[in-house]
Amino acid sequence: MDNAINKEYDTDTKHIVSVSAVILNRDRNILLIKGPIRGWELPGGKMKTNEKIENALKREVREETRVEICNVQYHGLFHNIKEDTINLLFLAEYSSGELLTSEESLEIGFFSLKEASRLVTWSNFFKRIESVLYGNIPFMEEF
C-alpha cells in the first residue's frame, strides 16, 4: 500500500473501546456504581493497550467495586458514533469480594431491575441493562 493511504487509514480508525457488564448476584439483583460524573451506571471502563477483553472487564470491575466476577458472557455492543466509542457489553455473575467504593465509585450496591430503572438516569445506560437481560444476542446499537 501507498504510504499516504496507510497514514490516512491510521488516523481515521482510532476508537475508544470500553467494557461493561450486567453483574448479577444469587438473587438476580444488578450491581451498579454511582460514578462522580454520570451517576448510577454499570461497572466498566476503557480497555488498555494490549489488554485482553475479559481481563479488561475483570480489572475494571475490581477497580470500581473490589469484587470478582465469573461466568462472563458476551452479549453485544453499543457504538457512540459521535464520540468514536465502542462499549462491549457482557453478562456476568458476582463471585466474591466485599463491595468497596473507589475514586470511580462513590456508592455501590445490588439493586432489583425496578430499583435500577429509577437510579440509572441516562436512558442509554438503562437500555444497556435491558438489552443484556432481554435482547437478542448478540446485539448492536448505534447512536
C-alpha atoms as a PDB file:
ATOM      1  CA  MET A   1       0.000   0.000   0.000  1.00  0.00           C
ATOM      2  CA  ASP A   2       0.968   3.562  -0.630  1.00  0.00           C
ATOM      3  CA  ASN A   3       2.285   5.411   2.479  1.00  0.00           C
ATOM      4  CA  ALA A   4      -0.324   8.176   2.034  1.00  0.00           C
ATOM      5  CA  ILE A   5      -3.097   5.565   2.141  1.00  0.00           C
ATOM      6  CA  ASN A   6      -1.609   3.912   5.256  1.00  0.00           C
ATOM      7  CA  LYS A   7      -1.301   7.279   7.003  1.00  0.00           C
ATOM      8  CA  GLU A   8      -4.915   8.223   6.216  1.00  0.00           C
ATOM      9  CA  TYR A   9      -6.149   4.809   7.347  1.00  0.00           C
ATOM     10  CA  ASP A  10      -4.328   5.072  10.680  1.00  0.00           C
ATOM     11  CA  THR A  11      -5.784   8.487  11.552  1.00  0.00           C
ATOM     12  CA  ASP A  12      -9.339   7.550  10.558  1.00  0.00           C
ATOM     13  CA  THR A  13      -9.618   4.357  12.614  1.00  0.00           C
ATOM     14  CA  LYS A  14      -8.994   5.434  16.198  1.00  0.00           C
ATOM     15  CA  HIS A  15     -11.763   4.437  18.589  1.00  0.00           C
ATOM     16  CA  ILE A  16     -12.074   4.140  22.329  1.00  0.00           C
ATOM     17  CA  VAL A  17     -13.074   0.628  23.347  1.00  0.00           C
ATOM     18  CA  SER A  18     -14.720   0.175  26.714  1.00  0.00           C
ATOM     19  CA  VAL A  19     -16.202  -2.797  28.528  1.00  0.00           C
ATOM     20  CA  SER A  20     -19.060  -3.080  31.000  1.00  0.00           C
ATOM     21  CA  ALA A  21     -21.245  -5.800  32.440  1.00  0.00           C
ATOM     22  CA  VAL A  22     -24.603  -6.513  33.935  1.00  0.00           C
ATOM     23  CA  ILE A  23     -23.401  -8.377  37.024  1.00  0.00           C
ATOM     24  CA  LEU A  24     -25.990 -10.431  38.865  1.00  0.00           C
ATOM     25  CA  ASN A  25     -25.848 -11.867  42.372  1.00  0.00           C
ATOM     26  CA  ARG A  26     -27.671 -15.028  43.535  1.00  0.00           C
ATOM     27  CA  ASP A  27     -30.908 -13.035  43.932  1.00  0.00           C
ATOM     28  CA  ARG A  28     -30.559 -11.760  40.337  1.00  0.00           C
ATOM     29  CA  ASN A  29     -30.030  -8.200  41.553  1.00  0.00           C
ATOM     30  CA  ILE A  30     -27.825  -5.951  39.391  1.00  0.00           C
ATOM     31  CA  LEU A  31     -24.541  -4.454  40.563  1.00  0.00           C
ATOM     32  CA  LEU A  32     -24.449  -0.683  39.982  1.00  0.00           C
ATOM     33  CA  ILE A  33     -21.928   2.001  40.823  1.00  0.00           C
ATOM     34  CA  LYS A  34     -22.571   5.685  41.332  1.00  0.00           C
ATOM     35  CA  GLY A  35     -19.833   7.476  39.445  1.00  0.00           C
ATOM     36  CA  PRO A  36     -18.794  11.081  40.117  1.00  0.00           C
ATOM     37  CA  ILE A  37     -19.862  12.286  36.639  1.00  0.00           C
ATOM     38  CA  ARG A  38     -22.683  10.164  35.191  1.00  0.00           C
ATOM     39  CA  GLY A  39     -24.452   8.938  38.307  1.00  0.00           C
ATOM     40  CA  TRP A  40     -25.613   5.333  38.604  1.00  0.00           C
ATOM     41  CA  GLU A  41     -24.322   3.003  35.902  1.00  0.00           C
ATOM     42  CA  LEU A  42     -22.834  -0.416  35.218  1.00  0.00           C
ATOM     43  CA  PRO A  43     -19.263  -1.050  36.323  1.00  0.00           C
ATOM     44  CA  GLY A  44     -16.742  -0.867  33.488  1.00  0.00           C
ATOM     45  CA  GLY A  45     -14.332   1.360  31.666  1.00  0.00           C
ATOM     46  CA  LYS A  46     -11.739   1.765  28.950  1.00  0.00           C
ATOM     47  CA  MET A  47      -9.517  -1.055  27.792  1.00  0.00           C
ATOM     48  CA  LYS A  48      -5.754  -0.609  27.995  1.00  0.00           C
ATOM     49  CA  THR A  49      -3.378  -1.214  25.096  1.00  0.00           C
ATOM     50  CA  ASN A  50      -2.604  -4.924  24.572  1.00  0.00           C
ATOM     51  CA  GLU A  51      -5.188  -5.996  27.166  1.00  0.00           C
ATOM     52  CA  LYS A  52      -7.449  -8.989  26.602  1.00  0.00           C
ATOM     53  CA  ILE A  53     -11.145  -8.106  26.645  1.00  0.00           C
ATOM     54  CA  GLU A  54     -12.215 -10.312  29.564  1.00  0.00           C
ATOM     55  CA  ASN A  55      -9.147  -9.238  31.570  1.00  0.00           C
ATOM     56  CA  ALA A  56     -10.096  -5.593  30.994  1.00  0.00           C
ATOM     57  CA  LEU A  57     -13.630  -6.223  32.232  1.00  0.00           C
ATOM     58  CA  LYS A  58     -12.463  -8.048  35.353  1.00  0.00           C
ATOM     59  CA  ARG A  59      -9.886  -5.334  36.073  1.00  0.00           C
ATOM     60  CA  GLU A  60     -12.402  -2.510  35.702  1.00  0.00           C
ATOM     61  CA  VAL A  61     -14.954  -4.260  37.928  1.00  0.00           C
ATOM     62  CA  ARG A  62     -12.269  -4.954  40.534  1.00  0.00           C
ATOM     63  CA  GLU A  63     -11.015  -1.325  40.443  1.00  0.00           C
ATOM     64  CA  GLU A  64     -14.501   0.149  40.841  1.00  0.00           C
ATOM     65  CA  THR A  65     -16.112  -2.329  43.234  1.00  0.00           C
ATOM     66  CA  ARG A  66     -13.368  -4.578  44.674  1.00  0.00           C
ATOM     67  CA  VAL A  67     -15.352  -7.698  43.680  1.00  0.00           C
ATOM     68  CA  GLU A  68     -14.544 -10.636  41.433  1.00  0.00           C
ATOM     69  CA  ILE A  69     -16.828 -11.887  38.677  1.00  0.00           C
ATOM     70  CA  CYS A  70     -17.224 -15.205  36.856  1.00  0.00           C
ATOM     71  CA  ASN A  71     -19.214 -16.813  34.015  1.00  0.00           C
ATOM     72  CA  VAL A  72     -18.621 -13.844  31.725  1.00  0.00           C
ATOM     73  CA  GLN A  73     -20.715 -13.970  28.543  1.00  0.00           C
ATOM     74  CA  TYR A  74     -20.568 -11.524  25.646  1.00  0.00           C
ATOM     75  CA  HIS A  75     -23.960 -10.049  24.742  1.00  0.00           C
ATOM     76  CA  GLY A  76     -23.392  -7.152  22.333  1.00  0.00           C
ATOM     77  CA  LEU A  77     -22.149  -3.642  21.799  1.00  0.00           C
ATOM     78  CA  PHE A  78     -23.195  -0.015  21.830  1.00  0.00           C
ATOM     79  CA  HIS A  79     -21.427   2.311  19.389  1.00  0.00           C
ATOM     80  CA  ASN A  80     -21.432   6.048  20.083  1.00  0.00           C
ATOM     81  CA  ILE A  81     -20.634   7.291  16.581  1.00  0.00           C
ATOM     82  CA  LYS A  82     -20.128  10.945  17.539  1.00  0.00           C
ATOM     83  CA  GLU A  83     -17.645  10.093  20.300  1.00  0.00           C
ATOM     84  CA  ASP A  84     -15.969   7.196  18.419  1.00  0.00           C
ATOM     85  CA  THR A  85     -16.594   4.950  21.413  1.00  0.00           C
ATOM     86  CA  ILE A  86     -17.473   1.283  21.327  1.00  0.00           C
ATOM     87  CA  ASN A  87     -18.757  -0.354  24.504  1.00  0.00           C
ATOM     88  CA  LEU A  88     -18.663  -4.145  24.652  1.00  0.00           C
ATOM     89  CA  LEU A  89     -21.392  -5.452  26.952  1.00  0.00           C
ATOM     90  CA  PHE A  90     -21.359  -8.623  28.988  1.00  0.00           C
ATOM     91  CA  LEU A  91     -23.438 -10.590  31.449  1.00  0.00           C
ATOM     92  CA  ALA A  92     -21.507 -11.910  34.446  1.00  0.00           C
ATOM     93  CA  GLU A  93     -22.062 -13.330  37.906  1.00  0.00           C
ATOM     94  CA  TYR A  94     -20.800 -11.959  41.204  1.00  0.00           C
ATOM     95  CA  SER A  95     -18.177 -14.391  42.502  1.00  0.00           C
ATOM     96  CA  SER A  96     -16.601 -12.960  45.657  1.00  0.00           C
ATOM     97  CA  GLY A  97     -15.444  -9.882  47.497  1.00  0.00           C
ATOM     98  CA  GLU A  98     -16.881  -7.140  49.666  1.00  0.00           C
ATOM     99  CA  LEU A  99     -18.305  -4.086  47.917  1.00  0.00           C
ATOM    100  CA  LEU A 100     -15.921  -1.168  48.476  1.00  0.00           C
ATOM    101  CA  THR A 101     -16.011   2.271  46.872  1.00  0.00           C
ATOM    102  CA  SER A 102     -13.166   3.900  44.963  1.00  0.00           C
ATOM    103  CA  GLU A 103     -12.413   7.229  43.258  1.00  0.00           C
ATOM    104  CA  GLU A 104     -14.564   5.987  40.362  1.00  0.00           C
ATOM    105  CA  SER A 105     -17.459   4.737  42.500  1.00  0.00           C
ATOM    106  CA  LEU A 106     -18.935   6.958  45.197  1.00  0.00           C
ATOM    107  CA  GLU A 107     -21.589   4.350  46.066  1.00  0.00           C
ATOM    108  CA  ILE A 108     -22.067   0.688  45.129  1.00  0.00           C
ATOM    109  CA  GLY A 109     -24.911  -1.760  45.531  1.00  0.00           C
ATOM    110  CA  PHE A 110     -27.005  -4.576  44.169  1.00  0.00           C
ATOM    111  CA  PHE A 111     -30.453  -3.470  43.014  1.00  0.00           C
ATOM    112  CA  SER A 112     -33.574  -5.041  41.573  1.00  0.00           C
ATOM    113  CA  LEU A 113     -34.371  -4.194  37.951  1.00  0.00           C
ATOM    114  CA  LYS A 114     -37.147  -1.890  39.161  1.00  0.00           C
ATOM    115  CA  GLU A 115     -34.774  -0.049  41.516  1.00  0.00           C
ATOM    116  CA  ALA A 116     -32.135   0.163  38.774  1.00  0.00           C
ATOM    117  CA  SER A 117     -34.669   1.727  36.405  1.00  0.00           C
ATOM    118  CA  ARG A 118     -35.162   4.562  38.918  1.00  0.00           C
ATOM    119  CA  LEU A 119     -31.461   5.023  39.721  1.00  0.00           C
ATOM    120  CA  VAL A 120     -29.919   4.908  36.232  1.00  0.00           C
ATOM    121  CA  THR A 121     -30.814   8.311  34.806  1.00  0.00           C
ATOM    122  CA  TRP A 122     -29.062   8.095  31.413  1.00  0.00           C
ATOM    123  CA  SER A 123     -31.602   6.265  29.228  1.00  0.00           C
ATOM    124  CA  ASN A 124     -28.809   4.850  27.085  1.00  0.00           C
ATOM    125  CA  PHE A 125     -27.296   3.205  30.168  1.00  0.00           C
ATOM    126  CA  PHE A 126     -30.554   1.598  31.269  1.00  0.00           C
ATOM    127  CA  LYS A 127     -31.142   0.416  27.699  1.00  0.00           C
ATOM    128  CA  ARG A 128     -27.844  -1.468  28.006  1.00  0.00           C
ATOM    129  CA  ILE A 129     -29.184  -3.335  31.024  1.00  0.00           C
ATOM    130  CA  GLU A 130     -32.409  -4.209  29.230  1.00  0.00           C
ATOM    131  CA  SER A 131     -30.510  -5.272  26.100  1.00  0.00           C
ATOM    132  CA  VAL A 132     -28.336  -7.682  28.065  1.00  0.00           C
ATOM    133  CA  LEU A 133     -31.224  -9.120  30.061  1.00  0.00           C
ATOM    134  CA  TYR A 134     -33.897  -9.236  27.347  1.00  0.00           C
ATOM    135  CA  GLY A 135     -32.355  -8.529  23.938  1.00  0.00           C
ATOM    136  CA  ASN A 136     -31.458 -10.780  21.062  1.00  0.00           C
ATOM    137  CA  ILE A 137     -27.891 -11.945  21.422  1.00  0.00           C
ATOM    138  CA  PRO A 138     -25.583 -10.629  20.137  1.00  0.00           C
ATOM    139  CA  PHE A 139     -26.968  -7.155  19.585  1.00  0.00           C
ATOM    140  CA  MET A 140     -25.558  -3.933  18.192  1.00  0.00           C
ATOM    141  CA  GLU A 141     -26.906  -0.454  18.927  1.00  0.00           C
ATOM    142  CA  GLU A 142     -25.564   2.644  17.206  1.00  0.00           C
ATOM    143  CA  PHE A 143     -26.366   6.198  18.236  1.00  0.00           C
END
